[in-house]
């Protein structure tokens, strides 16, 4: 089971490719690719699914291109339940946030965690304990 694996994905080359979930089930065909506003890197793909008659958004970051097909490392059921924002429109930061949460991905701007305790802060501030 050889085959080429591509991680640096050219967004234009993705359109029209078949997409499969982690179990090898076909999800559909890549319809659109959305680029990151800041970096211009391909970030999301909208996959036209025959099953659900709509486009499902999938993250390109953990996905890979194997032998001309996009392999998305999630279950088809999770992909099917991804928020549906329609295709052809720009994804807003809020919509991206919903997608990140849906797939359990880390977000570039982490949510604030619990504040550090005074003890930790004191040790950091003093440099040496």
C-alpha atoms as a PDB file:
ATOM      1  CA  UNK A   1       0.000   0.000   0.000  1.00  0.00           C
ATOM      2  CA  UNK A   2       2.265   2.708  -1.282  1.00  0.00           C
ATOM      3  CA  UNK A   3       0.980   5.936  -2.715  1.00  0.00           C
ATOM      4  CA  UNK A   4       1.877   9.544  -2.463  1.00  0.00           C
ATOM      5  CA  UNK A   5       0.942  11.556   0.583  1.00  0.00           C
ATOM      6  CA  UNK A   6       0.749  15.297   0.235  1.00  0.00           C
ATOM      7  CA  UNK A   7       0.476  17.643   3.152  1.00  0.00           C
ATOM      8  CA  UNK A   8       1.180  20.982   1.475  1.00  0.00           C
ATOM      9  CA  UNK A   9      -2.067  21.164  -0.436  1.00  0.00           C
ATOM     10  CA  UNK A  10      -2.622  23.417  -3.428  1.00  0.00           C
ATOM     11  CA  UNK A  11      -6.190  24.633  -2.968  1.00  0.00           C
ATOM     12  CA  UNK A  12      -6.907  24.786  -6.702  1.00  0.00           C
ATOM     13  CA  UNK A  13      -5.948  21.143  -7.109  1.00  0.00           C
ATOM     14  CA  UNK A  14      -8.457  20.076  -4.448  1.00  0.00           C
ATOM     15  CA  UNK A  15     -11.626  21.132  -6.259  1.00  0.00           C
ATOM     16  CA  UNK A  16     -13.395  18.124  -7.675  1.00  0.00           C
ATOM     17  CA  UNK A  17     -11.426  15.565  -5.667  1.00  0.00           C
ATOM     18  CA  UNK A  18     -13.220  12.815  -3.795  1.00  0.00           C
ATOM     19  CA  UNK A  19     -13.116  13.068  -0.016  1.00  0.00           C
ATOM     20  CA  UNK A  20     -13.187  10.094   2.366  1.00  0.00           C
ATOM     21  CA  UNK A  21     -13.565   9.837   6.134  1.00  0.00           C
ATOM     22  CA  UNK A  22     -11.121   8.067   8.402  1.00  0.00           C
ATOM     23  CA  UNK A  23     -12.814   4.719   7.838  1.00  0.00           C
ATOM     24  CA  UNK A  24     -12.580   5.025   4.081  1.00  0.00           C
ATOM     25  CA  UNK A  25     -16.242   5.945   3.604  1.00  0.00           C
ATOM     26  CA  UNK A  26     -16.811   8.388   0.796  1.00  0.00           C
ATOM     27  CA  UNK A  27     -18.036  11.766   2.018  1.00  0.00           C
ATOM     28  CA  UNK A  28     -18.374  13.471  -1.351  1.00  0.00           C
ATOM     29  CA  UNK A  29     -16.535  15.786  -3.715  1.00  0.00           C
ATOM     30  CA  UNK A  30     -14.608  18.920  -2.769  1.00  0.00           C
ATOM     31  CA  UNK A  31     -16.658  21.891  -3.900  1.00  0.00           C
ATOM     32  CA  UNK A  32     -14.858  24.892  -2.448  1.00  0.00           C
ATOM     33  CA  UNK A  33     -11.647  25.627  -0.565  1.00  0.00           C
ATOM     34  CA  UNK A  34     -11.508  28.404   2.000  1.00  0.00           C
ATOM     35  CA  UNK A  35      -8.241  30.173   2.718  1.00  0.00           C
ATOM     36  CA  UNK A  36      -7.083  31.615   6.007  1.00  0.00           C
ATOM     37  CA  UNK A  37      -7.446  35.397   5.940  1.00  0.00           C
ATOM     38  CA  UNK A  38      -4.127  36.028   7.628  1.00  0.00           C
ATOM     39  CA  UNK A  39      -1.879  33.476   5.940  1.00  0.00           C
ATOM     40  CA  UNK A  40      -3.657  32.630   2.701  1.00  0.00           C
ATOM     41  CA  UNK A  41      -3.175  28.950   3.536  1.00  0.00           C
ATOM     42  CA  UNK A  42      -6.018  26.575   2.661  1.00  0.00           C
ATOM     43  CA  UNK A  43      -7.912  25.973   5.873  1.00  0.00           C
ATOM     44  CA  UNK A  44     -11.360  24.499   5.166  1.00  0.00           C
ATOM     45  CA  UNK A  45     -12.881  22.517   2.344  1.00  0.00           C
ATOM     46  CA  UNK A  46     -16.580  22.380   1.574  1.00  0.00           C
ATOM     47  CA  UNK A  47     -17.431  18.870   0.435  1.00  0.00           C
ATOM     48  CA  UNK A  48     -20.542  18.333  -1.680  1.00  0.00           C
ATOM     49  CA  UNK A  49     -22.189  15.319  -0.125  1.00  0.00           C
ATOM     50  CA  UNK A  50     -24.640  13.262  -2.084  1.00  0.00           C
ATOM     51  CA  UNK A  51     -25.981  11.834   1.158  1.00  0.00           C
ATOM     52  CA  UNK A  52     -27.016  15.005   2.888  1.00  0.00           C
ATOM     53  CA  UNK A  53     -27.625  17.172  -0.199  1.00  0.00           C
ATOM     54  CA  UNK A  54     -25.547  19.954   1.223  1.00  0.00           C
ATOM     55  CA  UNK A  55     -21.922  20.889   1.649  1.00  0.00           C
ATOM     56  CA  UNK A  56     -20.079  19.746   4.744  1.00  0.00           C
ATOM     57  CA  UNK A  57     -17.116  21.779   5.962  1.00  0.00           C
ATOM     58  CA  UNK A  58     -13.998  19.788   6.784  1.00  0.00           C
ATOM     59  CA  UNK A  59     -10.694  21.046   8.224  1.00  0.00           C
ATOM     60  CA  UNK A  60      -7.732  20.757   5.864  1.00  0.00           C
ATOM     61  CA  UNK A  61      -5.110  20.999   8.601  1.00  0.00           C
ATOM     62  CA  UNK A  62      -5.206  17.366   9.763  1.00  0.00           C
ATOM     63  CA  UNK A  63      -6.416  16.112   6.368  1.00  0.00           C
ATOM     64  CA  UNK A  64      -4.026  14.725   3.788  1.00  0.00           C
ATOM     65  CA  UNK A  65      -4.093  14.108   0.079  1.00  0.00           C
ATOM     66  CA  UNK A  66      -3.508  10.425  -0.637  1.00  0.00           C
ATOM     67  CA  UNK A  67      -3.456   9.170  -4.219  1.00  0.00           C
ATOM     68  CA  UNK A  68      -5.547  12.076  -5.484  1.00  0.00           C
ATOM     69  CA  UNK A  69      -8.178  11.764  -2.755  1.00  0.00           C
ATOM     70  CA  UNK A  70      -8.657  13.887   0.346  1.00  0.00           C
ATOM     71  CA  UNK A  71      -8.517  11.831   3.540  1.00  0.00           C
ATOM     72  CA  UNK A  72     -10.303  13.550   6.411  1.00  0.00           C
ATOM     73  CA  UNK A  73      -9.404  12.022   9.812  1.00  0.00           C
ATOM     74  CA  UNK A  74     -12.927  12.185  11.242  1.00  0.00           C
ATOM     75  CA  UNK A  75     -16.003   9.970  11.200  1.00  0.00           C
ATOM     76  CA  UNK A  76     -18.565  10.612   8.504  1.00  0.00           C
ATOM     77  CA  UNK A  77     -21.233  11.156  11.184  1.00  0.00           C
ATOM     78  CA  UNK A  78     -19.231  14.017  12.730  1.00  0.00           C
ATOM     79  CA  UNK A  79     -18.584  15.553   9.322  1.00  0.00           C
ATOM     80  CA  UNK A  80     -22.269  15.279   8.464  1.00  0.00           C
ATOM     81  CA  UNK A  81     -23.168  17.191  11.635  1.00  0.00           C
ATOM     82  CA  UNK A  82     -20.735  20.038  10.994  1.00  0.00           C
ATOM     83  CA  UNK A  83     -22.343  23.482  11.017  1.00  0.00           C
ATOM     84  CA  UNK A  84     -23.770  24.309   7.600  1.00  0.00           C
ATOM     85  CA  UNK A  85     -22.949  27.823   6.456  1.00  0.00           C
ATOM     86  CA  UNK A  86     -23.711  27.448   2.775  1.00  0.00           C
ATOM     87  CA  UNK A  87     -21.070  27.662   0.080  1.00  0.00           C
ATOM     88  CA  UNK A  88     -19.534  30.546  -1.787  1.00  0.00           C
ATOM     89  CA  UNK A  89     -19.622  32.957   1.096  1.00  0.00           C
ATOM     90  CA  UNK A  90     -16.745  34.044   3.240  1.00  0.00           C
ATOM     91  CA  UNK A  91     -16.460  32.269   6.577  1.00  0.00           C
ATOM     92  CA  UNK A  92     -16.672  34.716   9.454  1.00  0.00           C
ATOM     93  CA  UNK A  93     -14.427  34.304  12.505  1.00  0.00           C
ATOM     94  CA  UNK A  94     -17.517  33.233  14.471  1.00  0.00           C
ATOM     95  CA  UNK A  95     -18.313  30.541  11.929  1.00  0.00           C
ATOM     96  CA  UNK A  96     -14.722  29.323  11.954  1.00  0.00           C
ATOM     97  CA  UNK A  97     -14.893  29.179  15.733  1.00  0.00           C
ATOM     98  CA  UNK A  98     -18.003  26.987  15.519  1.00  0.00           C
ATOM     99  CA  UNK A  99     -16.194  24.652  13.120  1.00  0.00           C
ATOM    100  CA  UNK A 100     -13.108  24.472  15.347  1.00  0.00           C
ATOM    101  CA  UNK A 101     -15.303  23.590  18.306  1.00  0.00           C
ATOM    102  CA  UNK A 102     -17.232  21.022  16.296  1.00  0.00           C
ATOM    103  CA  UNK A 103     -14.053  19.165  15.334  1.00  0.00           C
ATOM    104  CA  UNK A 104     -12.415  19.674  18.725  1.00  0.00           C
ATOM    105  CA  UNK A 105      -9.485  21.513  17.191  1.00  0.00           C
ATOM    106  CA  UNK A 106      -7.250  23.954  18.983  1.00  0.00           C
ATOM    107  CA  UNK A 107      -7.947  27.514  18.038  1.00  0.00           C
ATOM    108  CA  UNK A 108      -5.121  29.908  17.242  1.00  0.00           C
ATOM    109  CA  UNK A 109      -6.365  32.270  19.929  1.00  0.00           C
ATOM    110  CA  UNK A 110      -6.801  30.005  22.934  1.00  0.00           C
ATOM    111  CA  UNK A 111      -9.685  30.595  25.245  1.00  0.00           C
ATOM    112  CA  UNK A 112      -8.629  32.072  28.549  1.00  0.00           C
ATOM    113  CA  UNK A 113      -7.963  29.368  31.085  1.00  0.00           C
ATOM    114  CA  UNK A 114      -8.079  29.747  34.850  1.00  0.00           C
ATOM    115  CA  UNK A 115      -5.890  32.613  36.033  1.00  0.00           C
ATOM    116  CA  UNK A 116      -2.516  31.538  37.376  1.00  0.00           C
ATOM    117  CA  UNK A 117      -2.407  31.303  41.133  1.00  0.00           C
ATOM    118  CA  UNK A 118      -0.576  33.975  43.124  1.00  0.00           C
ATOM    119  CA  UNK A 119       2.116  31.492  44.019  1.00  0.00           C
ATOM    120  CA  UNK A 120       2.951  30.740  40.373  1.00  0.00           C
ATOM    121  CA  UNK A 121       2.815  34.410  39.508  1.00  0.00           C
ATOM    122  CA  UNK A 122       5.155  35.268  42.356  1.00  0.00           C
ATOM    123  CA  UNK A 123       7.654  32.635  41.305  1.00  0.00           C
ATOM    124  CA  UNK A 124       7.582  33.849  37.713  1.00  0.00           C
ATOM    125  CA  UNK A 125       7.911  37.484  38.755  1.00  0.00           C
ATOM    126  CA  UNK A 126      10.874  36.801  41.047  1.00  0.00           C
ATOM    127  CA  UNK A 127      12.730  34.723  38.495  1.00  0.00           C
ATOM    128  CA  UNK A 128      14.359  32.623  41.193  1.00  0.00           C
ATOM    129  CA  UNK A 129      12.690  31.093  44.202  1.00  0.00           C
END
